[in-house]
C-alpha atoms as a PDB file:
ATOM      1  CA  MET A   1      35.533  85.352 216.880  1.00  0.00           C
ATOM      2  CA  ALA A   2      33.811  84.646 213.856  1.00  0.00           C
ATOM      3  CA  VAL A   3      30.990  86.802 211.456  1.00  0.00           C
ATOM      4  CA  ASP A   4      28.861  84.922 212.683  1.00  0.00           C
ATOM      5  CA  SER A   5      29.167  85.430 216.718  1.00  0.00           C
ATOM      6  CA  VAL A   6      25.407  86.971 217.030  1.00  0.00           C
ATOM      7  CA  GLY A   7      24.576  90.885 217.870  1.00  0.00           C
ATOM      8  CA  SER A   8      28.239  91.621 216.093  1.00  0.00           C
ATOM      9  CA  ALA A   9      28.558  94.551 214.001  1.00  0.00           C
ATOM     10  CA  VAL A  10      30.965  95.215 210.996  1.00  0.00           C
ATOM     11  CA  VAL A  11      33.326  98.433 211.407  1.00  0.00           C
ATOM     12  CA  VAL A  12      34.491 100.156 208.995  1.00  0.00           C
ATOM     13  CA  GLY A  13      38.046 102.733 210.120  1.00  0.00           C
ATOM     14  CA  VAL A  14      37.758 106.395 208.701  1.00  0.00           C
ATOM     15  CA  ASP A  15      40.301 108.982 208.359  1.00  0.00           C
ATOM     16  CA  GLY A  16      38.739 111.114 205.113  1.00  0.00           C
ATOM     17  CA  SER A  17      41.307 109.224 202.048  1.00  0.00           C
ATOM     18  CA  GLU A  18      40.011 107.850 199.439  1.00  0.00           C
ATOM     19  CA  SER A  19      41.422 104.778 200.558  1.00  0.00           C
ATOM     20  CA  ALA A  20      38.643 104.942 203.779  1.00  0.00           C
ATOM     21  CA  LEU A  21      35.723 106.102 201.413  1.00  0.00           C
ATOM     22  CA  ALA A  22      36.144 102.579 199.793  1.00  0.00           C
ATOM     23  CA  ALA A  23      36.168 100.631 203.354  1.00  0.00           C
ATOM     24  CA  VAL A  24      32.769 102.000 203.407  1.00  0.00           C
ATOM     25  CA  ARG A  25      31.438 100.826 200.217  1.00  0.00           C
ATOM     26  CA  LEU A  26      33.051  97.591 200.807  1.00  0.00           C
ATOM     27  CA  ALA A  27      32.244  97.608 204.555  1.00  0.00           C
ATOM     28  CA  ALA A  28      28.270  98.399 203.877  1.00  0.00           C
ATOM     29  CA  ALA A  29      27.601  96.008 200.975  1.00  0.00           C
ATOM     30  CA  GLU A  30      29.692  93.075 203.836  1.00  0.00           C
ATOM     31  CA  ALA A  31      27.664  94.526 206.321  1.00  0.00           C
ATOM     32  CA  ALA A  32      24.183  94.233 204.328  1.00  0.00           C
ATOM     33  CA  ARG A  33      24.650  91.101 203.141  1.00  0.00           C
ATOM     34  CA  TRP A  34      24.880  89.534 206.436  1.00  0.00           C
ATOM     35  CA  HIS A  35      21.844  91.934 208.450  1.00  0.00           C
ATOM     36  CA  ARG A  36      24.702  93.555 210.589  1.00  0.00           C
ATOM     37  CA  PRO A  37      24.402  97.036 211.832  1.00  0.00           C
ATOM     38  CA  LEU A  38      27.874  98.861 210.277  1.00  0.00           C
ATOM     39  CA  ARG A  39      29.590 101.135 212.953  1.00  0.00           C
ATOM     40  CA  VAL A  40      31.969 103.183 211.537  1.00  0.00           C
ATOM     41  CA  VAL A  41      34.498 105.116 213.491  1.00  0.00           C
ATOM     42  CA  HIS A  42      37.129 108.000 213.371  1.00  0.00           C
ATOM     43  CA  ALA A  43      40.771 107.051 215.466  1.00  0.00           C
ATOM     44  CA  PHE A  44      40.699 111.008 216.840  1.00  0.00           C
ATOM     45  CA  ILE A  45      44.841 111.242 217.114  1.00  0.00           C
ATOM     46  CA  TRP A  46      44.960 114.838 218.840  1.00  0.00           C
ATOM     47  CA  PRO A  47      44.385 113.879 222.431  1.00  0.00           C
ATOM     48  CA  THR A  48      47.103 111.826 222.842  1.00  0.00           C
ATOM     49  CA  LEU A  49      49.726 114.028 221.862  1.00  0.00           C
ATOM     50  CA  HIS A  50      49.282 115.665 225.418  1.00  0.00           C
ATOM     51  CA  SER A  51      49.724 118.759 222.953  1.00  0.00           C
ATOM     52  CA  PRO A  52      48.328 121.789 224.455  1.00  0.00           C
ATOM     53  CA  VAL A  53      44.384 122.014 223.087  1.00  0.00           C
ATOM     54  CA  THR A  54      43.569 125.873 221.418  1.00  0.00           C
ATOM     55  CA  PRO A  55      40.208 127.113 219.083  1.00  0.00           C
ATOM     56  CA  GLY A  56      41.833 125.642 216.051  1.00  0.00           C
ATOM     57  CA  THR A  57      42.192 121.965 217.778  1.00  0.00           C
ATOM     58  CA  GLU A  58      39.256 121.298 219.675  1.00  0.00           C
ATOM     59  CA  GLY A  59      37.412 124.498 218.232  1.00  0.00           C
ATOM     60  CA  PRO A  60      33.254 125.060 218.656  1.00  0.00           C
ATOM     61  CA  ALA A  61      31.240 122.192 217.203  1.00  0.00           C
ATOM     62  CA  ASP A  62      31.351 122.941 213.964  1.00  0.00           C
ATOM     63  CA  GLY A  63      35.029 124.532 213.192  1.00  0.00           C
ATOM     64  CA  GLY A  64      38.743 122.899 214.343  1.00  0.00           C
ATOM     65  CA  LEU A  65      39.600 119.168 214.099  1.00  0.00           C
ATOM     66  CA  ARG A  66      37.278 117.925 215.981  1.00  0.00           C
ATOM     67  CA  GLY A  67      34.960 119.011 213.959  1.00  0.00           C
ATOM     68  CA  GLN A  68      36.315 118.174 210.619  1.00  0.00           C
ATOM     69  CA  ALA A  69      36.681 115.039 212.164  1.00  0.00           C
ATOM     70  CA  ARG A  70      32.877 114.782 213.199  1.00  0.00           C
ATOM     71  CA  GLN A  71      32.097 116.262 209.142  1.00  0.00           C
ATOM     72  CA  LEU A  72      34.146 113.372 208.018  1.00  0.00           C
ATOM     73  CA  VAL A  73      32.051 110.284 209.590  1.00  0.00           C
ATOM     74  CA  THR A  74      29.447 112.088 208.803  1.00  0.00           C
ATOM     75  CA  ALA A  75      30.309 112.353 204.806  1.00  0.00           C
ATOM     76  CA  ALA A  76      31.175 108.079 205.366  1.00  0.00           C
ATOM     77  CA  VAL A  77      27.855 107.678 207.259  1.00  0.00           C
ATOM     78  CA  ASP A  78      25.947 109.125 204.661  1.00  0.00           C
ATOM     79  CA  GLN A  79      27.978 107.019 201.449  1.00  0.00           C
ATOM     80  CA  ALA A  80      26.834 103.689 203.780  1.00  0.00           C
ATOM     81  CA  GLN A  81      23.414 104.666 203.574  1.00  0.00           C
ATOM     82  CA  ALA A  82      23.450 105.264 199.837  1.00  0.00           C
ATOM     83  CA  VAL A  83      25.567 102.238 199.514  1.00  0.00           C
ATOM     84  CA  ALA A  84      22.793 100.367 201.219  1.00  0.00           C
ATOM     85  CA  PRO A  85      19.597 101.701 202.050  1.00  0.00           C
ATOM     86  CA  GLY A  86      18.103 100.825 205.159  1.00  0.00           C
ATOM     87  CA  LEU A  87      21.328  99.421 206.734  1.00  0.00           C
ATOM     88  CA  GLU A  88      21.880 100.075 210.445  1.00  0.00           C
ATOM     89  CA  VAL A  89      24.750 102.824 210.439  1.00  0.00           C
ATOM     90  CA  THR A  90      26.454 104.452 213.237  1.00  0.00           C
ATOM     91  CA  GLY A  91      29.537 107.167 213.256  1.00  0.00           C
ATOM     92  CA  GLU A  92      31.823 107.718 216.134  1.00  0.00           C
ATOM     93  CA  ILE A  93      34.819 109.254 217.120  1.00  0.00           C
ATOM     94  CA  VAL A  94      36.892 107.463 219.617  1.00  0.00           C
ATOM     95  CA  ASP A  95      40.423 109.395 221.009  1.00  0.00           C
ATOM     96  CA  GLY A  96      43.667 107.310 220.657  1.00  0.00           C
ATOM     97  CA  ALA A  97      45.612 105.763 217.453  1.00  0.00           C
ATOM     98  CA  PRO A  98      44.613 104.395 214.705  1.00  0.00           C
ATOM     99  CA  ALA A  99      45.352 100.592 215.164  1.00  0.00           C
ATOM    100  CA  ALA A 100      44.761 101.244 218.949  1.00  0.00           C
ATOM    101  CA  VAL A 101      41.049 102.067 218.442  1.00  0.00           C
ATOM    102  CA  LEU A 102      40.070  99.662 215.333  1.00  0.00           C
ATOM    103  CA  LEU A 103      42.122  96.608 217.873  1.00  0.00           C
ATOM    104  CA  ASP A 104      40.083  97.547 220.837  1.00  0.00           C
ATOM    105  CA  ALA A 105      36.986  97.645 218.489  1.00  0.00           C
ATOM    106  CA  SER A 106      37.635  93.924 217.131  1.00  0.00           C
ATOM    107  CA  THR A 107      36.866  92.653 220.547  1.00  0.00           C
ATOM    108  CA  ASP A 108      33.432  91.997 219.756  1.00  0.00           C
ATOM    109  CA  ALA A 109      32.947  92.753 216.045  1.00  0.00           C
ATOM    110  CA  ALA A 110      31.896  90.720 213.390  1.00  0.00           C
ATOM    111  CA  LEU A 111      34.511  92.242 210.917  1.00  0.00           C
ATOM    112  CA  VAL A 112      36.804  95.078 210.915  1.00  0.00           C
ATOM    113  CA  VAL A 113      37.458  97.037 207.432  1.00  0.00           C
ATOM    114  CA  LEU A 114      39.643  98.849 206.455  1.00  0.00           C
ATOM    115  CA  GLY A 115      41.734 100.831 203.524  1.00  0.00           C
ATOM    116  CA  ASP A 116      45.448  99.669 202.261  1.00  0.00           C
ATOM    117  CA  ARG A 117      46.377 103.193 202.416  1.00  0.00           C
ATOM    118  CA  GLY A 118      45.664 106.249 204.974  1.00  0.00           C
ATOM    119  CA  MET A 119      46.269 109.727 204.837  1.00  0.00           C
ATOM    120  CA  GLY A 120      49.469 109.188 206.599  1.00  0.00           C
ATOM    121  CA  GLY A 121      50.891 106.603 204.834  1.00  0.00           C
ATOM    122  CA  PHE A 122      53.808 107.834 202.575  1.00  0.00           C
ATOM    123  CA  THR A 123      52.316 107.093 198.511  1.00  0.00           C
ATOM    124  CA  ALA A 124      55.196 104.739 197.623  1.00  0.00           C
ATOM    125  CA  LEU A 125      54.313 102.483 200.424  1.00  0.00           C
ATOM    126  CA  VAL A 126      51.870 100.061 198.872  1.00  0.00           C
ATOM    127  CA  VAL A 127      49.976  99.387 202.583  1.00  0.00           C
ATOM    128  CA  GLY A 128      49.877 101.177 204.964  1.00  0.00           C
ATOM    129  CA  SER A 129      51.262 100.064 208.426  1.00  0.00           C
ATOM    130  CA  VAL A 130      47.356 100.602 210.108  1.00  0.00           C
ATOM    131  CA  ALA A 131      46.137  98.013 208.284  1.00  0.00           C
ATOM    132  CA  VAL A 132      49.549  95.235 208.276  1.00  0.00           C
ATOM    133  CA  THR A 133      48.807  95.982 212.235  1.00  0.00           C
ATOM    134  CA  VAL A 134      44.581  95.763 212.853  1.00  0.00           C
ATOM    135  CA  ALA A 135      45.581  92.002 209.975  1.00  0.00           C
ATOM    136  CA  ALA A 136      48.509  90.742 212.197  1.00  0.00           C
ATOM    137  CA  TYR A 137      46.318  91.467 215.719  1.00  0.00           C
ATOM    138  CA  ALA A 138      42.503  91.615 215.289  1.00  0.00           C
ATOM    139  CA  ARG A 139      40.196  89.681 217.622  1.00  0.00           C
ATOM    140  CA  CYS A 140      38.041  89.207 214.281  1.00  0.00           C
ATOM    141  CA  PRO A 141      38.486  88.355 210.579  1.00  0.00           C
ATOM    142  CA  VAL A 142      40.269  91.759 208.568  1.00  0.00           C
ATOM    143  CA  LEU A 143      38.704  92.924 205.205  1.00  0.00           C
ATOM    144  CA  VAL A 144      41.467  95.408 203.467  1.00  0.00           C
ATOM    145  CA  ALA A 145      39.758  97.586 200.961  1.00  0.00           C
ATOM    146  CA  ARG A 146      42.271  97.228 198.005  1.00  0.00           C
ATOM    147  CA  GLY A 147      42.881  96.389 194.027  1.00  0.00           C
ATOM    148  CA  ALA A 148      39.602  96.005 192.075  1.00  0.00           C
ATOM    149  CA  VAL A 149      36.492  94.016 192.733  1.00  0.00           C
ATOM    150  CA  ASP A 150      35.298  91.161 189.734  1.00  0.00           C
ATOM    151  CA  PRO A 151      31.523  91.014 191.044  1.00  0.00           C
ATOM    152  CA  HIS A 152      31.379  87.647 188.669  1.00  0.00           C
ATOM    153  CA  GLY A 153      34.529  86.262 189.650  1.00  0.00           C
ATOM    154  CA  PRO A 154      35.489  83.186 192.202  1.00  0.00           C
ATOM    155  CA  ILE A 155      36.264  84.599 196.306  1.00  0.00           C
ATOM    156  CA  VAL A 156      39.775  82.592 195.979  1.00  0.00           C
ATOM    157  CA  VAL A 157      40.951  81.260 199.436  1.00  0.00           C
ATOM    158  CA  GLY A 158      45.074  80.322 199.456  1.00  0.00           C
ATOM    159  CA  VAL A 159      45.162  76.194 201.998  1.00  0.00           C
ATOM    160  CA  ASP A 160      47.996  74.799 202.856  1.00  0.00           C
ATOM    161  CA  GLY A 161      46.353  72.333 205.901  1.00  0.00           C
ATOM    162  CA  SER A 162      46.688  74.264 208.949  1.00  0.00           C
ATOM    163  CA  GLU A 163      44.388  75.006 211.489  1.00  0.00           C
ATOM    164  CA  VAL A 164      44.012  78.613 210.164  1.00  0.00           C
ATOM    165  CA  SER A 165      44.636  78.041 206.613  1.00  0.00           C
ATOM    166  CA  ARG A 166      41.252  75.541 208.194  1.00  0.00           C
ATOM    167  CA  ARG A 167      39.275  78.595 209.039  1.00  0.00           C
ATOM    168  CA  ALA A 168      39.991  80.833 206.733  1.00  0.00           C
ATOM    169  CA  VAL A 169      38.416  78.181 203.342  1.00  0.00           C
ATOM    170  CA  GLU A 170      35.163  78.081 206.260  1.00  0.00           C
ATOM    171  CA  PHE A 171      34.804  81.854 206.088  1.00  0.00           C
ATOM    172  CA  ALA A 172      35.087  81.553 201.953  1.00  0.00           C
ATOM    173  CA  VAL A 173      32.689  79.161 201.958  1.00  0.00           C
ATOM    174  CA  ARG A 174      29.921  81.494 204.018  1.00  0.00           C
ATOM    175  CA  THR A 175      31.264  84.425 202.029  1.00  0.00           C
ATOM    176  CA  ALA A 176      30.267  82.743 199.067  1.00  0.00           C
ATOM    177  CA  ALA A 177      26.713  81.460 200.002  1.00  0.00           C
ATOM    178  CA  ARG A 178      25.664  85.416 201.378  1.00  0.00           C
ATOM    179  CA  ARG A 179      27.535  87.191 197.772  1.00  0.00           C
ATOM    180  CA  GLY A 180      26.002  83.684 195.888  1.00  0.00           C
ATOM    181  CA  ALA A 181      29.934  83.463 194.540  1.00  0.00           C
ATOM    182  CA  THR A 182      31.810  80.507 193.685  1.00  0.00           C
ATOM    183  CA  VAL A 183      34.415  79.461 195.645  1.00  0.00           C
ATOM    184  CA  LEU A 184      38.271  79.079 194.274  1.00  0.00           C
ATOM    185  CA  ALA A 185      40.796  76.614 196.883  1.00  0.00           C
ATOM    186  CA  LEU A 186      43.380  77.321 195.508  1.00  0.00           C
ATOM    187  CA  HIS A 187      46.795  75.357 196.933  1.00  0.00           C
ATOM    188  CA  ALA A 188      50.393  76.121 196.204  1.00  0.00           C
ATOM    189  CA  TYR A 189      53.093  73.670 197.285  1.00  0.00           C
ATOM    190  CA  ARG A 190      57.120  73.397 196.064  1.00  0.00           C
ATOM    191  CA  HIS A 191      58.437  70.224 197.800  1.00  0.00           C
ATOM    192  CA  PRO A 192      57.326  67.931 200.669  1.00  0.00           C
ATOM    193  CA  VAL A 193      56.970  69.492 203.583  1.00  0.00           C
ATOM    194  CA  SER A 194      58.856  68.457 206.861  1.00  0.00           C
ATOM    195  CA  THR A 195      55.545  66.702 208.971  1.00  0.00           C
ATOM    196  CA  GLY A 196      58.178  67.616 212.182  1.00  0.00           C
ATOM    197  CA  PRO A 197      60.932  68.930 214.114  1.00  0.00           C
ATOM    198  CA  GLY A 198      63.857  67.197 213.220  1.00  0.00           C
ATOM    199  CA  ASP A 199      61.971  65.808 209.473  1.00  0.00           C
ATOM    200  CA  MET A 200      64.482  66.035 206.582  1.00  0.00           C
ATOM    201  CA  GLN A 201      62.862  66.901 203.331  1.00  0.00           C
ATOM    202  CA  PRO A 202      63.716  63.803 200.377  1.00  0.00           C
ATOM    203  CA  LEU A 203      66.461  64.830 198.341  1.00  0.00           C
ATOM    204  CA  VAL A 204      64.542  63.277 195.399  1.00  0.00           C
ATOM    205  CA  TYR A 205      60.397  62.166 195.500  1.00  0.00           C
ATOM    206  CA  ASP A 206      58.273  61.468 193.195  1.00  0.00           C
ATOM    207  CA  GLU A 207      56.562  64.836 191.428  1.00  0.00           C
ATOM    208  CA  SER A 208      53.576  62.536 190.686  1.00  0.00           C
ATOM    209  CA  GLN A 209      52.955  61.111 194.684  1.00  0.00           C
ATOM    210  CA  LEU A 210      53.411  64.403 195.393  1.00  0.00           C
ATOM    211  CA  HIS A 211      50.615  65.852 193.473  1.00  0.00           C
ATOM    212  CA  GLU A 212      48.340  63.189 194.456  1.00  0.00           C
ATOM    213  CA  GLU A 213      49.198  64.179 197.900  1.00  0.00           C
ATOM    214  CA  GLU A 214      48.964  67.503 197.926  1.00  0.00           C
ATOM    215  CA  GLN A 215      45.716  66.894 195.864  1.00  0.00           C
ATOM    216  CA  ARG A 216      44.613  64.839 199.155  1.00  0.00           C
ATOM    217  CA  ALA A 217      44.941  67.525 201.558  1.00  0.00           C
ATOM    218  CA  LEU A 218      43.221  69.900 199.482  1.00  0.00           C
ATOM    219  CA  ALA A 219      40.067  67.956 199.633  1.00  0.00           C
ATOM    220  CA  GLU A 220      40.933  67.326 203.386  1.00  0.00           C
ATOM    221  CA  SER A 221      40.311  71.215 204.169  1.00  0.00           C
ATOM    222  CA  VAL A 222      36.945  71.233 202.432  1.00  0.00           C
ATOM    223  CA  THR A 223      35.377  68.370 203.787  1.00  0.00           C
ATOM    224  CA  GLY A 224      32.206  68.742 205.259  1.00  0.00           C
ATOM    225  CA  LEU A 225      31.357  72.668 203.939  1.00  0.00           C
ATOM    226  CA  THR A 226      30.060  71.143 200.414  1.00  0.00           C
ATOM    227  CA  ALA A 227      27.180  69.164 202.378  1.00  0.00           C
ATOM    228  CA  ARG A 228      26.500  72.647 204.656  1.00  0.00           C
ATOM    229  CA  TYR A 229      26.535  74.880 201.662  1.00  0.00           C
ATOM    230  CA  PRO A 230      25.631  72.491 198.855  1.00  0.00           C
ATOM    231  CA  GLU A 231      24.642  75.701 197.021  1.00  0.00           C
ATOM    232  CA  VAL A 232      28.418  77.201 196.957  1.00  0.00           C
ATOM    233  CA  SER A 233      30.318  75.597 194.430  1.00  0.00           C
ATOM    234  CA  ILE A 234      33.960  74.547 195.384  1.00  0.00           C
ATOM    235  CA  ARG A 235      36.364  74.320 192.590  1.00  0.00           C
ATOM    236  CA  ARG A 236      39.999  72.531 193.551  1.00  0.00           C
ATOM    237  CA  GLU A 237      43.602  74.150 192.439  1.00  0.00           C
ATOM    238  CA  SER A 238      46.499  72.657 193.179  1.00  0.00           C
ATOM    239  CA  VAL A 239      49.878  73.723 191.203  1.00  0.00           C
ATOM    240  CA  HIS A 240      53.203  74.084 191.999  1.00  0.00           C
ATOM    241  CA  ALA A 241      54.408  77.117 192.354  1.00  0.00           C
ATOM    242  CA  ARG A 242      55.043  79.136 195.125  1.00  0.00           C
ATOM    243  CA  ALA A 243      52.217  80.424 197.265  1.00  0.00           C
ATOM    244  CA  PRO A 244      52.347  84.244 196.618  1.00  0.00           C
ATOM    245  CA  LYS A 245      52.527  83.980 193.030  1.00  0.00           C
ATOM    246  CA  ALA A 246      49.778  81.923 193.396  1.00  0.00           C
ATOM    247  CA  LEU A 247      47.490  83.323 194.937  1.00  0.00           C
ATOM    248  CA  THR A 248      48.700  87.042 193.161  1.00  0.00           C
ATOM    249  CA  GLU A 249      48.029  85.635 190.066  1.00  0.00           C
ATOM    250  CA  ALA A 250      44.669  84.372 190.893  1.00  0.00           C
ATOM    251  CA  SER A 251      43.612  87.741 192.523  1.00  0.00           C
ATOM    252  CA  ARG A 252      43.408  89.083 188.746  1.00  0.00           C
ATOM    253  CA  THR A 253      39.885  88.203 188.767  1.00  0.00           C
ATOM    254  CA  ALA A 254      38.158  87.507 191.832  1.00  0.00           C
ATOM    255  CA  GLN A 255      36.171  89.098 194.089  1.00  0.00           C
ATOM    256  CA  LEU A 256      37.646  88.415 197.203  1.00  0.00           C
ATOM    257  CA  LEU A 257      41.286  87.039 198.266  1.00  0.00           C
ATOM    258  CA  VAL A 258      40.959  85.224 201.665  1.00  0.00           C
ATOM    259  CA  VAL A 259      43.991  83.810 203.828  1.00  0.00           C
ATOM    260  CA  GLY A 260      44.631  82.620 207.093  1.00  0.00           C
ATOM    261  CA  GLY A 261      46.755  84.275 208.662  1.00  0.00           C
ATOM    262  CA  GLN A 262      49.847  82.268 209.740  1.00  0.00           C
ATOM    263  CA  GLY A 263      50.663  79.092 207.632  1.00  0.00           C
ATOM    264  CA  ARG A 264      51.680  75.978 208.184  1.00  0.00           C
ATOM    265  CA  GLY A 265      55.455  75.760 208.610  1.00  0.00           C
ATOM    266  CA  GLU A 266      55.277  78.989 209.957  1.00  0.00           C
ATOM    267  CA  LEU A 267      57.443  80.362 212.828  1.00  0.00           C
ATOM    268  CA  THR A 268      54.262  79.747 216.456  1.00  0.00           C
ATOM    269  CA  GLY A 269      55.735  83.339 217.490  1.00  0.00           C
ATOM    270  CA  LEU A 270      54.224  84.880 213.934  1.00  0.00           C
ATOM    271  CA  LEU A 271      51.501  86.785 213.925  1.00  0.00           C
ATOM    272  CA  LEU A 272      51.029  87.775 210.470  1.00  0.00           C
ATOM    273  CA  GLY A 273      52.431  85.074 208.171  1.00  0.00           C
ATOM    274  CA  SER A 274      54.466  85.810 204.847  1.00  0.00           C
ATOM    275  CA  VAL A 275      51.989  84.864 202.316  1.00  0.00           C
ATOM    276  CA  SER A 276      49.332  86.596 203.686  1.00  0.00           C
ATOM    277  CA  ARG A 277      51.706  89.868 204.647  1.00  0.00           C
ATOM    278  CA  SER A 278      52.628  89.397 200.331  1.00  0.00           C
ATOM    279  CA  MET A 279      48.590  89.592 200.022  1.00  0.00           C
ATOM    280  CA  LEU A 280      47.890  92.818 201.775  1.00  0.00           C
ATOM    281  CA  HIS A 281      50.649  94.256 199.474  1.00  0.00           C
ATOM    282  CA  HIS A 282      50.338  92.476 196.420  1.00  0.00           C
ATOM    283  CA  SER A 283      46.164  91.185 195.470  1.00  0.00           C
ATOM    284  CA  HIS A 284      44.565  93.253 192.646  1.00  0.00           C
ATOM    285  CA  CYS A 285      41.535  92.753 194.424  1.00  0.00           C
ATOM    286  CA  PRO A 286      40.839  93.248 198.507  1.00  0.00           C
ATOM    287  CA  VAL A 287      41.938  91.142 200.805  1.00  0.00           C
ATOM    288  CA  ALA A 288      40.350  89.119 203.950  1.00  0.00           C
ATOM    289  CA  VAL A 289      42.789  87.685 206.685  1.00  0.00           C
ATOM    290  CA  VAL A 290      41.330  85.561 209.029  1.00  0.00           C
ATOM    291  CA  ARG A 291      43.208  84.662 212.424  1.00  0.00           C
ATOM    292  CA  ALA A 292      40.301  83.914 214.489  1.00  0.00           C
END
């Protein structure tokens, strides 16, 4: 499902953490740009633990854990409306574990937004398990709030020639059109890539010829998008480097980093590729992971 699906909302997960509030602000701005309603969701996990219900857990309407959950949802809704006055915002509490609740919401969402770490995450972890799980299994693009946003920076998208990568490039260009931003399509390569089972990489290859071939692959990844989005300036850059290192460096001055969920040459059984997982941990700006 893509961001332009008719009638679908932007969904943001909240848990009361600072990371979640950053996600709310990011989600509100994005929903306003796409003219979408915003759905604020809090996963209330207590009922799933099969623990006895006591006055301290459920409590009266204005007390107990569920009352606290209502308060944090209300605060998140208020913050979203402050960021984007006039935006249609709803808030709800859904019983269940955070990852499961957000994955269920992704089936008919335009975009799922969440923070990189929740209240239950260890501070030593760079990115939380919920963010990784949702990015790996969501049925729509996932936007993870992390790092800082350079409003004047480009939208950087990683390109590797795969089908998922092409969807990521289109997502980046459409997003840039809404934001009035430029796009940097960045392709990092190390050496010739095998094109089929049993192919062997040559022991010796012409570096200049390889660069030309990689440049052509990069150009093909944006074919047709310039005509469809003439208002968006798309700059292409091909570098001889490891993809995670090149994308991490580019994210320092970007307003958004977009990556495909799984890249060329990665095992088809992997739901979240090594590059996209690395960016969730190391990007200096918000990261969008596009799988579907």
